[in-house]
Amino acid sequence: MDVSFASKKLQKTCSTEAGMKKKLGASRAKRLMQRLAELDAADTLDDISHLPPARCHELTNDRNGQLSVDLDHPYRLIFKPDHLPPPAKPDGGLDWKQVTKVLILEICDTHE
């Protein structure tokens, strides 16, 4: 899958292991590297949904249209499909099998 970043600052943080460790700590950096590698290796978002540790899921309410994967509790990697418009199923839901590009938005605790 094509992976891009919402800001240069976020891209810089995520571009090297040293940058990730400095900004996020060793444990979170390790998980972030793993999740970014999984996204990069996947053909579609549907491939990620079958990876149990990632727990990829769609968000709701003020984060409608965004998805998250687990890093270390309670932190998540937040992203959205980078398609205009996002691929939809006939019922209107997101068609994960058609999502081939994602935009990384942030790393945060979505429950704050």
PDB file of N, CA and C in Angstrom:
ATOM      1  N   MET A   1       0.840  -1.163   0.000  1.00  0.00           N
ATOM      2  CA  MET A   1       0.000   0.000   0.000  1.00  0.00           C
ATOM      3  C   MET A   1       0.893   1.236   0.000  1.00  0.00           C
ATOM      4  N   ASP A   2       0.396   2.286  -0.607  1.00  0.00           N
ATOM      5  CA  ASP A   2       1.114   3.559  -0.559  1.00  0.00           C
ATOM      6  C   ASP A   2       0.816   4.230   0.779  1.00  0.00           C
ATOM      7  N   VAL A   3       1.875   4.656   1.463  1.00  0.00           N
ATOM      8  CA  VAL A   3       1.732   5.299   2.766  1.00  0.00           C
ATOM      9  C   VAL A   3       2.328   6.695   2.672  1.00  0.00           C
ATOM     10  N   SER A   4       1.527   7.702   3.023  1.00  0.00           N
ATOM     11  CA  SER A   4       2.036   9.070   3.065  1.00  0.00           C
ATOM     12  C   SER A   4       1.667   9.684   4.423  1.00  0.00           C
ATOM     13  N   PHE A   5       2.178  10.869   4.663  1.00  0.00           N
ATOM     14  CA  PHE A   5       2.030  11.497   5.977  1.00  0.00           C
ATOM     15  C   PHE A   5       1.370  12.862   5.856  1.00  0.00           C
ATOM     16  N   ALA A   6       0.580  13.215   6.862  1.00  0.00           N
ATOM     17  CA  ALA A   6      -0.172  14.468   6.854  1.00  0.00           C
ATOM     18  C   ALA A   6       0.716  15.697   7.027  1.00  0.00           C
ATOM     19  N   SER A   7       1.911  15.516   7.593  1.00  0.00           N
ATOM     20  CA  SER A   7       2.806  16.659   7.784  1.00  0.00           C
ATOM     21  C   SER A   7       4.256  16.217   7.624  1.00  0.00           C
ATOM     22  N   LYS A   8       5.094  17.175   7.310  1.00  0.00           N
ATOM     23  CA  LYS A   8       6.538  16.908   7.201  1.00  0.00           C
ATOM     24  C   LYS A   8       7.111  16.500   8.554  1.00  0.00           C
ATOM     25  N   LYS A   9       6.605  17.116   9.624  1.00  0.00           N
ATOM     26  CA  LYS A   9       7.083  16.803  10.970  1.00  0.00           C
ATOM     27  C   LYS A   9       6.804  15.340  11.310  1.00  0.00           C
ATOM     28  N   LEU A  10       5.604  14.866  11.012  1.00  0.00           N
ATOM     29  CA  LEU A  10       5.241  13.476  11.272  1.00  0.00           C
ATOM     30  C   LEU A  10       6.061  12.532  10.394  1.00  0.00           C
ATOM     31  N   GLN A  11       6.255  12.906   9.142  1.00  0.00           N
ATOM     32  CA  GLN A  11       7.067  12.085   8.238  1.00  0.00           C
ATOM     33  C   GLN A  11       8.506  11.989   8.742  1.00  0.00           C
ATOM     34  N   LYS A  12       9.034  13.089   9.219  1.00  0.00           N
ATOM     35  CA  LYS A  12      10.404  13.095   9.744  1.00  0.00           C
ATOM     36  C   LYS A  12      10.513  12.192  10.969  1.00  0.00           C
ATOM     37  N   THR A  13       9.542  12.293  11.874  1.00  0.00           N
ATOM     38  CA  THR A  13       9.537  11.443  13.074  1.00  0.00           C
ATOM     39  C   THR A  13       9.523   9.972  12.689  1.00  0.00           C
ATOM     40  N   CYS A  14       8.733   9.628  11.688  1.00  0.00           N
ATOM     41  CA  CYS A  14       8.534   8.225  11.298  1.00  0.00           C
ATOM     42  C   CYS A  14       9.550   7.698  10.285  1.00  0.00           C
ATOM     43  N   SER A  15      10.480   8.527   9.859  1.00  0.00           N
ATOM     44  CA  SER A  15      11.392   8.104   8.794  1.00  0.00           C
ATOM     45  C   SER A  15      12.615   7.321   9.290  1.00  0.00           C
ATOM     46  N   THR A  16      12.978   7.468  10.556  1.00  0.00           N
ATOM     47  CA  THR A  16      14.127   6.729  11.076  1.00  0.00           C
ATOM     48  C   THR A  16      13.821   6.145  12.446  1.00  0.00           C
ATOM     49  N   GLU A  17      14.460   5.047  12.747  1.00  0.00           N
ATOM     50  CA  GLU A  17      14.291   4.415  14.050  1.00  0.00           C
ATOM     51  C   GLU A  17      14.748   5.357  15.158  1.00  0.00           C
ATOM     52  N   ALA A  18      15.842   6.039  14.936  1.00  0.00           N
ATOM     53  CA  ALA A  18      16.353   6.969  15.945  1.00  0.00           C
ATOM     54  C   ALA A  18      15.359   8.096  16.196  1.00  0.00           C
ATOM     55  N   GLY A  19      14.749   8.616  15.135  1.00  0.00           N
ATOM     56  CA  GLY A  19      13.758   9.679  15.279  1.00  0.00           C
ATOM     57  C   GLY A  19      12.541   9.218  16.047  1.00  0.00           C
ATOM     58  N   MET A  20      12.107   7.990  15.775  1.00  0.00           N
ATOM     59  CA  MET A  20      10.950   7.433  16.476  1.00  0.00           C
ATOM     60  C   MET A  20      11.269   7.240  17.959  1.00  0.00           C
ATOM     61  N   LYS A  21      12.445   6.681  18.247  1.00  0.00           N
ATOM     62  CA  LYS A  21      12.813   6.433  19.648  1.00  0.00           C
ATOM     63  C   LYS A  21      12.946   7.735  20.419  1.00  0.00           C
ATOM     64  N   LYS A  22      13.520   8.740  19.780  1.00  0.00           N
ATOM     65  CA  LYS A  22      13.708  10.029  20.444  1.00  0.00           C
ATOM     66  C   LYS A  22      12.369  10.672  20.785  1.00  0.00           C
ATOM     67  N   LYS A  23      11.441  10.618  19.871  1.00  0.00           N
ATOM     68  CA  LYS A  23      10.152  11.278  20.038  1.00  0.00           C
ATOM     69  C   LYS A  23       9.154  10.437  20.853  1.00  0.00           C
ATOM     70  N   LEU A  24       9.201   9.094  20.675  1.00  0.00           N
ATOM     71  CA  LEU A  24       8.141   8.243  21.218  1.00  0.00           C
ATOM     72  C   LEU A  24       8.589   7.237  22.267  1.00  0.00           C
ATOM     73  N   GLY A  25       9.893   7.050  22.412  1.00  0.00           N
ATOM     74  CA  GLY A  25      10.386   6.023  23.323  1.00  0.00           C
ATOM     75  C   GLY A  25      10.578   4.703  22.582  1.00  0.00           C
ATOM     76  N   ALA A  26      11.391   3.818  23.137  1.00  0.00           N
ATOM     77  CA  ALA A  26      11.781   2.582  22.459  1.00  0.00           C
ATOM     78  C   ALA A  26      10.610   1.642  22.199  1.00  0.00           C
ATOM     79  N   SER A  27       9.757   1.436  23.187  1.00  0.00           N
ATOM     80  CA  SER A  27       8.651   0.496  23.045  1.00  0.00           C
ATOM     81  C   SER A  27       7.661   0.935  21.969  1.00  0.00           C
ATOM     82  N   ARG A  28       7.224   2.183  22.029  1.00  0.00           N
ATOM     83  CA  ARG A  28       6.268   2.693  21.042  1.00  0.00           C
ATOM     84  C   ARG A  28       6.910   2.768  19.658  1.00  0.00           C
ATOM     85  N   ALA A  29       8.176   3.123  19.599  1.00  0.00           N
ATOM     86  CA  ALA A  29       8.883   3.184  18.317  1.00  0.00           C
ATOM     87  C   ALA A  29       8.927   1.809  17.657  1.00  0.00           C
ATOM     88  N   LYS A  30       9.167   0.772  18.455  1.00  0.00           N
ATOM     89  CA  LYS A  30       9.208  -0.593  17.919  1.00  0.00           C
ATOM     90  C   LYS A  30       7.863  -0.970  17.300  1.00  0.00           C
ATOM     91  N   ARG A  31       6.780  -0.690  18.010  1.00  0.00           N
ATOM     92  CA  ARG A  31       5.444  -1.002  17.488  1.00  0.00           C
ATOM     93  C   ARG A  31       5.118  -0.162  16.261  1.00  0.00           C
ATOM     94  N   LEU A  32       5.507   1.104  16.279  1.00  0.00           N
ATOM     95  CA  LEU A  32       5.249   1.978  15.147  1.00  0.00           C
ATOM     96  C   LEU A  32       5.971   1.462  13.901  1.00  0.00           C
ATOM     97  N   MET A  33       7.227   1.073  14.053  1.00  0.00           N
ATOM     98  CA  MET A  33       7.973   0.519  12.911  1.00  0.00           C
ATOM     99  C   MET A  33       7.267  -0.714  12.355  1.00  0.00           C
ATOM    100  N   GLN A  34       6.780  -1.560  13.260  1.00  0.00           N
ATOM    101  CA  GLN A  34       6.081  -2.771  12.849  1.00  0.00           C
ATOM    102  C   GLN A  34       4.801  -2.422  12.086  1.00  0.00           C
ATOM    103  N   ARG A  35       4.005  -1.501  12.613  1.00  0.00           N
ATOM    104  CA  ARG A  35       2.744  -1.130  11.956  1.00  0.00           C
ATOM    105  C   ARG A  35       2.985  -0.459  10.600  1.00  0.00           C
ATOM    106  N   LEU A  36       3.983   0.400  10.512  1.00  0.00           N
ATOM    107  CA  LEU A  36       4.287   1.041   9.234  1.00  0.00           C
ATOM    108  C   LEU A  36       4.757   0.011   8.203  1.00  0.00           C
ATOM    109  N   ALA A  37       5.543  -0.970   8.641  1.00  0.00           N
ATOM    110  CA  ALA A  37       5.990  -2.043   7.740  1.00  0.00           C
ATOM    111  C   ALA A  37       4.805  -2.875   7.265  1.00  0.00           C
ATOM    112  N   GLU A  38       3.856  -3.150   8.165  1.00  0.00           N
ATOM    113  CA  GLU A  38       2.656  -3.907   7.790  1.00  0.00           C
ATOM    114  C   GLU A  38       1.836  -3.153   6.759  1.00  0.00           C
ATOM    115  N   LEU A  39       1.643  -1.855   6.975  1.00  0.00           N
ATOM    116  CA  LEU A  39       0.895  -1.046   6.013  1.00  0.00           C
ATOM    117  C   LEU A  39       1.599  -1.019   4.665  1.00  0.00           C
ATOM    118  N   ASP A  40       2.905  -0.834   4.690  1.00  0.00           N
ATOM    119  CA  ASP A  40       3.689  -0.765   3.462  1.00  0.00           C
ATOM    120  C   ASP A  40       3.639  -2.085   2.692  1.00  0.00           C
ATOM    121  N   ALA A  41       3.650  -3.203   3.392  1.00  0.00           N
ATOM    122  CA  ALA A  41       3.675  -4.521   2.748  1.00  0.00           C
ATOM    123  C   ALA A  41       2.309  -4.965   2.239  1.00  0.00           C
ATOM    124  N   ALA A  42       1.247  -4.415   2.793  1.00  0.00           N
ATOM    125  CA  ALA A  42      -0.104  -4.830   2.404  1.00  0.00           C
ATOM    126  C   ALA A  42      -0.455  -4.317   1.013  1.00  0.00           C
ATOM    127  N   ASP A  43      -1.246  -5.094   0.298  1.00  0.00           N
ATOM    128  CA  ASP A  43      -1.764  -4.637  -0.991  1.00  0.00           C
ATOM    129  C   ASP A  43      -2.970  -3.724  -0.781  1.00  0.00           C
ATOM    130  N   THR A  44      -3.825  -4.092   0.178  1.00  0.00           N
ATOM    131  CA  THR A  44      -5.010  -3.297   0.488  1.00  0.00           C
ATOM    132  C   THR A  44      -5.198  -3.252   2.003  1.00  0.00           C
ATOM    133  N   LEU A  45      -6.067  -2.389   2.440  1.00  0.00           N
ATOM    134  CA  LEU A  45      -6.376  -2.275   3.866  1.00  0.00           C
ATOM    135  C   LEU A  45      -6.977  -3.570   4.401  1.00  0.00           C
ATOM    136  N   ASP A  46      -7.648  -4.316   3.555  1.00  0.00           N
ATOM    137  CA  ASP A  46      -8.242  -5.587   3.974  1.00  0.00           C
ATOM    138  C   ASP A  46      -7.175  -6.557   4.475  1.00  0.00           C
ATOM    139  N   ASP A  47      -5.968  -6.475   3.946  1.00  0.00           N
ATOM    140  CA  ASP A  47      -4.871  -7.342   4.407  1.00  0.00           C
ATOM    141  C   ASP A  47      -4.513  -7.035   5.862  1.00  0.00           C
ATOM    142  N   ILE A  48      -4.598  -5.801   6.269  1.00  0.00           N
ATOM    143  CA  ILE A  48      -4.275  -5.392   7.639  1.00  0.00           C
ATOM    144  C   ILE A  48      -5.329  -5.897   8.615  1.00  0.00           C
ATOM    145  N   SER A  49      -6.574  -5.953   8.188  1.00  0.00           N
ATOM    146  CA  SER A  49      -7.648  -6.341   9.097  1.00  0.00           C
ATOM    147  C   SER A  49      -7.504  -7.769   9.591  1.00  0.00           C
ATOM    148  N   HIS A  50      -6.702  -8.579   8.933  1.00  0.00           N
ATOM    149  CA  HIS A  50      -6.521  -9.973   9.326  1.00  0.00           C
ATOM    150  C   HIS A  50      -5.320 -10.179  10.247  1.00  0.00           C
ATOM    151  N   LEU A  51      -4.670  -9.102  10.644  1.00  0.00           N
ATOM    152  CA  LEU A  51      -3.524  -9.194  11.544  1.00  0.00           C
ATOM    153  C   LEU A  51      -4.002  -8.917  12.969  1.00  0.00           C
ATOM    154  N   PRO A  52      -4.130  -9.939  13.817  1.00  0.00           N
ATOM    155  CA  PRO A  52      -4.711  -9.751  15.144  1.00  0.00           C
ATOM    156  C   PRO A  52      -4.030  -8.702  16.028  1.00  0.00           C
ATOM    157  N   PRO A  53      -2.706  -8.639  16.090  1.00  0.00           N
ATOM    158  CA  PRO A  53      -2.127  -7.658  17.013  1.00  0.00           C
ATOM    159  C   PRO A  53      -2.430  -6.212  16.619  1.00  0.00           C
ATOM    160  N   ALA A  54      -2.645  -5.964  15.341  1.00  0.00           N
ATOM    161  CA  ALA A  54      -2.856  -4.586  14.898  1.00  0.00           C
ATOM    162  C   ALA A  54      -4.218  -4.038  15.315  1.00  0.00           C
ATOM    163  N   ARG A  55      -5.240  -4.892  15.339  1.00  0.00           N
ATOM    164  CA  ARG A  55      -6.595  -4.490  15.695  1.00  0.00           C
ATOM    165  C   ARG A  55      -7.015  -3.249  14.924  1.00  0.00           C
ATOM    166  N   CYS A  56      -6.915  -3.333  13.609  1.00  0.00           N
ATOM    167  CA  CYS A  56      -7.303  -2.226  12.737  1.00  0.00           C
ATOM    168  C   CYS A  56      -8.819  -2.069  12.775  1.00  0.00           C
ATOM    169  N   HIS A  57      -9.264  -0.832  13.028  1.00  0.00           N
ATOM    170  CA  HIS A  57     -10.697  -0.597  13.066  1.00  0.00           C
ATOM    171  C   HIS A  57     -11.032   0.850  12.712  1.00  0.00           C
ATOM    172  N   GLU A  58     -12.264   1.019  12.221  1.00  0.00           N
ATOM    173  CA  GLU A  58     -12.752   2.341  11.871  1.00  0.00           C
ATOM    174  C   GLU A  58     -13.179   3.071  13.141  1.00  0.00           C
ATOM    175  N   LEU A  59     -12.946   4.371  13.148  1.00  0.00           N
ATOM    176  CA  LEU A  59     -13.320   5.206  14.288  1.00  0.00           C
ATOM    177  C   LEU A  59     -14.661   5.881  14.014  1.00  0.00           C
ATOM    178  N   THR A  60     -15.257   6.425  15.045  1.00  0.00           N
ATOM    179  CA  THR A  60     -16.579   7.025  14.922  1.00  0.00           C
ATOM    180  C   THR A  60     -16.581   8.444  15.487  1.00  0.00           C
ATOM    181  N   ASN A  61     -17.762   9.019  15.491  1.00  0.00           N
ATOM    182  CA  ASN A  61     -18.009  10.364  16.026  1.00  0.00           C
ATOM    183  C   ASN A  61     -17.132  11.408  15.352  1.00  0.00           C
ATOM    184  N   ASP A  62     -16.354  12.182  16.110  1.00  0.00           N
ATOM    185  CA  ASP A  62     -15.551  13.252  15.512  1.00  0.00           C
ATOM    186  C   ASP A  62     -14.375  12.722  14.705  1.00  0.00           C
ATOM    187  N   ARG A  63     -14.140  11.418  14.748  1.00  0.00           N
ATOM    188  CA  ARG A  63     -13.063  10.797  13.957  1.00  0.00           C
ATOM    189  C   ARG A  63     -13.627   9.908  12.845  1.00  0.00           C
ATOM    190  N   ASN A  64     -14.868  10.149  12.470  1.00  0.00           N
ATOM    191  CA  ASN A  64     -15.499   9.388  11.408  1.00  0.00           C
ATOM    192  C   ASN A  64     -14.659   9.499  10.120  1.00  0.00           C
ATOM    193  N   GLY A  65     -14.436   8.374   9.447  1.00  0.00           N
ATOM    194  CA  GLY A  65     -13.614   8.357   8.239  1.00  0.00           C
ATOM    195  C   GLY A  65     -12.157   8.020   8.520  1.00  0.00           C
ATOM    196  N   GLN A  66     -11.789   7.968   9.795  1.00  0.00           N
ATOM    197  CA  GLN A  66     -10.427   7.629  10.188  1.00  0.00           C
ATOM    198  C   GLN A  66     -10.392   6.198  10.710  1.00  0.00           C
ATOM    199  N   LEU A  67      -9.197   5.609  10.689  1.00  0.00           N
ATOM    200  CA  LEU A  67      -8.976   4.269  11.221  1.00  0.00           C
ATOM    201  C   LEU A  67      -7.808   4.314  12.178  1.00  0.00           C
ATOM    202  N   SER A  68      -7.692   3.263  12.987  1.00  0.00           N
ATOM    203  CA  SER A  68      -6.541   3.192  13.888  1.00  0.00           C
ATOM    204  C   SER A  68      -6.045   1.764  14.001  1.00  0.00           C
ATOM    205  N   VAL A  69      -4.768   1.658  14.336  1.00  0.00           N
ATOM    206  CA  VAL A  69      -4.153   0.381  14.705  1.00  0.00           C
ATOM    207  C   VAL A  69      -3.441   0.602  16.035  1.00  0.00           C
ATOM    208  N   ASP A  70      -3.410  -0.443  16.830  1.00  0.00           N
ATOM    209  CA  ASP A  70      -2.789  -0.353  18.150  1.00  0.00           C
ATOM    210  C   ASP A  70      -1.279  -0.192  18.056  1.00  0.00           C
ATOM    211  N   LEU A  71      -0.759   0.616  18.958  1.00  0.00           N
ATOM    212  CA  LEU A  71       0.688   0.675  19.196  1.00  0.00           C
ATOM    213  C   LEU A  71       0.861   0.079  20.593  1.00  0.00           C
ATOM    214  N   ASP A  72       1.218   0.893  21.573  1.00  0.00           N
ATOM    215  CA  ASP A  72       1.235   0.426  22.960  1.00  0.00           C
ATOM    216  C   ASP A  72       0.109   1.156  23.685  1.00  0.00           C
ATOM    217  N   HIS A  73      -0.606   0.444  24.536  1.00  0.00           N
ATOM    218  CA  HIS A  73      -1.787   1.012  25.174  1.00  0.00           C
ATOM    219  C   HIS A  73      -1.439   2.279  25.942  1.00  0.00           C
ATOM    220  N   PRO A  74      -2.157   3.344  25.746  1.00  0.00           N
ATOM    221  CA  PRO A  74      -3.380   3.539  24.983  1.00  0.00           C
ATOM    222  C   PRO A  74      -3.140   4.202  23.629  1.00  0.00           C
ATOM    223  N   TYR A  75      -1.935   4.172  23.115  1.00  0.00           N
ATOM    224  CA  TYR A  75      -1.601   4.904  21.893  1.00  0.00           C
ATOM    225  C   TYR A  75      -1.955   4.135  20.630  1.00  0.00           C
ATOM    226  N   ARG A  76      -2.381   4.905  19.614  1.00  0.00           N
ATOM    227  CA  ARG A  76      -2.795   4.360  18.332  1.00  0.00           C
ATOM    228  C   ARG A  76      -2.152   5.149  17.196  1.00  0.00           C
ATOM    229  N   LEU A  77      -1.978   4.464  16.071  1.00  0.00           N
ATOM    230  CA  LEU A  77      -1.576   5.110  14.831  1.00  0.00           C
ATOM    231  C   LEU A  77      -2.870   5.416  14.083  1.00  0.00           C
ATOM    232  N   ILE A  78      -3.125   6.696  13.818  1.00  0.00           N
ATOM    233  CA  ILE A  78      -4.362   7.137  13.193  1.00  0.00           C
ATOM    234  C   ILE A  78      -4.093   7.461  11.728  1.00  0.00           C
ATOM    235  N   PHE A  79      -4.962   6.959  10.846  1.00  0.00           N
ATOM    236  CA  PHE A  79      -4.806   7.204   9.423  1.00  0.00           C
ATOM    237  C   PHE A  79      -6.167   7.195   8.743  1.00  0.00           C
ATOM    238  N   LYS A  80      -6.178   7.574   7.473  1.00  0.00           N
ATOM    239  CA  LYS A  80      -7.409   7.535   6.687  1.00  0.00           C
ATOM    240  C   LYS A  80      -7.069   7.106   5.270  1.00  0.00           C
ATOM    241  N   PRO A  81      -8.065   6.609   4.536  1.00  0.00           N
ATOM    242  CA  PRO A  81      -7.820   6.274   3.141  1.00  0.00           C
ATOM    243  C   PRO A  81      -7.415   7.536   2.386  1.00  0.00           C
ATOM    244  N   ASP A  82      -6.437   7.423   1.526  1.00  0.00           N
ATOM    245  CA  ASP A  82      -5.960   8.574   0.755  1.00  0.00           C
ATOM    246  C   ASP A  82      -6.518   8.492  -0.669  1.00  0.00           C
ATOM    247  N   HIS A  83      -7.832   8.357  -0.745  1.00  0.00           N
ATOM    248  CA  HIS A  83      -8.560   8.294  -2.011  1.00  0.00           C
ATOM    249  C   HIS A  83      -9.660   9.354  -1.958  1.00  0.00           C
ATOM    250  N   LEU A  84      -9.925  10.000  -3.070  1.00  0.00           N
ATOM    251  CA  LEU A  84     -11.032  10.956  -3.150  1.00  0.00           C
ATOM    252  C   LEU A  84     -11.994  10.516  -4.239  1.00  0.00           C
ATOM    253  N   PRO A  85     -13.182  10.121  -3.910  1.00  0.00           N
ATOM    254  CA  PRO A  85     -13.692   9.837  -2.577  1.00  0.00           C
ATOM    255  C   PRO A  85     -13.177   8.484  -2.088  1.00  0.00           C
ATOM    256  N   PRO A  86     -13.281   8.217  -0.789  1.00  0.00           N
ATOM    257  CA  PRO A  86     -12.875   6.899  -0.287  1.00  0.00           C
ATOM    258  C   PRO A  86     -13.735   5.811  -0.921  1.00  0.00           C
ATOM    259  N   PRO A  87     -13.141   4.652  -1.267  1.00  0.00           N
ATOM    260  CA  PRO A  87     -13.917   3.573  -1.885  1.00  0.00           C
ATOM    261  C   PRO A  87     -15.024   3.097  -0.942  1.00  0.00           C
ATOM    262  N   ALA A  88     -16.224   2.969  -1.488  1.00  0.00           N
ATOM    263  CA  ALA A  88     -17.365   2.591  -0.654  1.00  0.00           C
ATOM    264  C   ALA A  88     -18.021   1.320  -1.173  1.00  0.00           C
ATOM    265  N   LYS A  89     -18.584   0.556  -0.243  1.00  0.00           N
ATOM    266  CA  LYS A  89     -19.399  -0.604  -0.573  1.00  0.00           C
ATOM    267  C   LYS A  89     -20.789  -0.102  -0.990  1.00  0.00           C
ATOM    268  N   PRO A  90     -21.577  -0.972  -1.595  1.00  0.00           N
ATOM    269  CA  PRO A  90     -22.943  -0.559  -1.964  1.00  0.00           C
ATOM    270  C   PRO A  90     -23.772  -0.055  -0.784  1.00  0.00           C
ATOM    271  N   ASP A  91     -23.514  -0.578   0.428  1.00  0.00           N
ATOM    272  CA  ASP A  91     -24.264  -0.134   1.612  1.00  0.00           C
ATOM    273  C   ASP A  91     -23.734   1.181   2.175  1.00  0.00           C
ATOM    274  N   GLY A  92     -22.658   1.718   1.582  1.00  0.00           N
ATOM    275  CA  GLY A  92     -22.102   2.996   2.010  1.00  0.00           C
ATOM    276  C   GLY A  92     -20.891   2.893   2.907  1.00  0.00           C
ATOM    277  N   GLY A  93     -20.602   1.702   3.456  1.00  0.00           N
ATOM    278  CA  GLY A  93     -19.429   1.530   4.305  1.00  0.00           C
ATOM    279  C   GLY A  93     -18.135   1.554   3.502  1.00  0.00           C
ATOM    280  N   LEU A  94     -17.028   1.726   4.187  1.00  0.00           N
ATOM    281  CA  LEU A  94     -15.717   1.746   3.553  1.00  0.00           C
ATOM    282  C   LEU A  94     -15.378   0.370   2.990  1.00  0.00           C
ATOM    283  N   ASP A  95     -14.969   0.331   1.726  1.00  0.00           N
ATOM    284  CA  ASP A  95     -14.576  -0.925   1.077  1.00  0.00           C
ATOM    285  C   ASP A  95     -13.077  -1.131   1.286  1.00  0.00           C
ATOM    286  N   TRP A  96     -12.742  -1.877   2.328  1.00  0.00           N
ATOM    287  CA  TRP A  96     -11.350  -2.094   2.706  1.00  0.00           C
ATOM    288  C   TRP A  96     -10.549  -2.771   1.595  1.00  0.00           C
ATOM    289  N   LYS A  97     -11.199  -3.549   0.752  1.00  0.00           N
ATOM    290  CA  LYS A  97     -10.503  -4.249  -0.329  1.00  0.00           C
ATOM    291  C   LYS A  97     -10.051  -3.306  -1.440  1.00  0.00           C
ATOM    292  N   GLN A  98     -10.595  -2.103  -1.464  1.00  0.00           N
ATOM    293  CA  GLN A  98     -10.242  -1.132  -2.496  1.00  0.00           C
ATOM    294  C   GLN A  98      -9.295  -0.040  -2.004  1.00  0.00           C
ATOM    295  N   VAL A  99      -9.009  -0.017  -0.716  1.00  0.00           N
ATOM    296  CA  VAL A  99      -8.114   1.014  -0.160  1.00  0.00           C
ATOM    297  C   VAL A  99      -6.671   0.576  -0.395  1.00  0.00           C
ATOM    298  N   THR A 100      -5.980   1.298  -1.269  1.00  0.00           N
ATOM    299  CA  THR A 100      -4.590   0.982  -1.613  1.00  0.00           C
ATOM    300  C   THR A 100      -3.624   2.094  -1.215  1.00  0.00           C
ATOM    301  N   LYS A 101      -4.171   3.188  -0.673  1.00  0.00           N
ATOM    302  CA  LYS A 101      -3.347   4.315  -0.237  1.00  0.00           C
ATOM    303  C   LYS A 101      -3.895   4.828   1.087  1.00  0.00           C
ATOM    304  N   VAL A 102      -2.985   5.108   2.026  1.00  0.00           N
ATOM    305  CA  VAL A 102      -3.401   5.680   3.304  1.00  0.00           C
ATOM    306  C   VAL A 102      -2.561   6.903   3.629  1.00  0.00           C
ATOM    307  N   LEU A 103      -3.174   7.800   4.395  1.00  0.00           N
ATOM    308  CA  LEU A 103      -2.521   9.006   4.864  1.00  0.00           C
ATOM    309  C   LEU A 103      -2.431   8.920   6.377  1.00  0.00           C
ATOM    310  N   ILE A 104      -1.205   8.869   6.912  1.00  0.00           N
ATOM    311  CA  ILE A 104      -0.993   8.821   8.351  1.00  0.00           C
ATOM    312  C   ILE A 104      -1.267  10.214   8.913  1.00  0.00           C
ATOM    313  N   LEU A 105      -2.172  10.276   9.895  1.00  0.00           N
ATOM    314  CA  LEU A 105      -2.580  11.559  10.467  1.00  0.00           C
ATOM    315  C   LEU A 105      -1.860  11.906  11.758  1.00  0.00           C
ATOM    316  N   GLU A 106      -1.754  10.926  12.676  1.00  0.00           N
ATOM    317  CA  GLU A 106      -1.125  11.209  13.951  1.00  0.00           C
ATOM    318  C   GLU A 106      -0.906   9.944  14.758  1.00  0.00           C
ATOM    319  N   ILE A 107      -0.170  10.107  15.834  1.00  0.00           N
ATOM    320  CA  ILE A 107       0.040   9.068  16.829  1.00  0.00           C
ATOM    321  C   ILE A 107      -0.503   9.659  18.121  1.00  0.00           C
ATOM    322  N   CYS A 108      -1.532   9.036  18.691  1.00  0.00           N
ATOM    323  CA  CYS A 108      -2.161   9.649  19.868  1.00  0.00           C
ATOM    324  C   CYS A 108      -2.956   8.635  20.676  1.00  0.00           C
ATOM    325  N   ASP A 109      -3.420   9.102  21.827  1.00  0.00           N
ATOM    326  CA  ASP A 109      -4.370   8.376  22.658  1.00  0.00           C
ATOM    327  C   ASP A 109      -5.744   8.899  22.262  1.00  0.00           C
ATOM    328  N   THR A 110      -6.538   8.084  21.578  1.00  0.00           N
ATOM    329  CA  THR A 110      -7.843   8.539  21.097  1.00  0.00           C
ATOM    330  C   THR A 110      -8.882   8.633  22.201  1.00  0.00           C
ATOM    331  N   HIS A 111      -8.547   8.189  23.403  1.00  0.00           N
ATOM    332  CA  HIS A 111      -9.517   8.212  24.494  1.00  0.00           C
ATOM    333  C   HIS A 111      -9.345   9.391  25.443  1.00  0.00           C
ATOM    334  N   GLU A 112      -8.449  10.284  25.114  1.00  0.00           N
ATOM    335  CA  GLU A 112      -8.248  11.462  25.978  1.00  0.00           C
ATOM    336  C   GLU A 112      -9.371  12.465  25.812  1.00  0.00           C
TER     337      GLU A 112
END
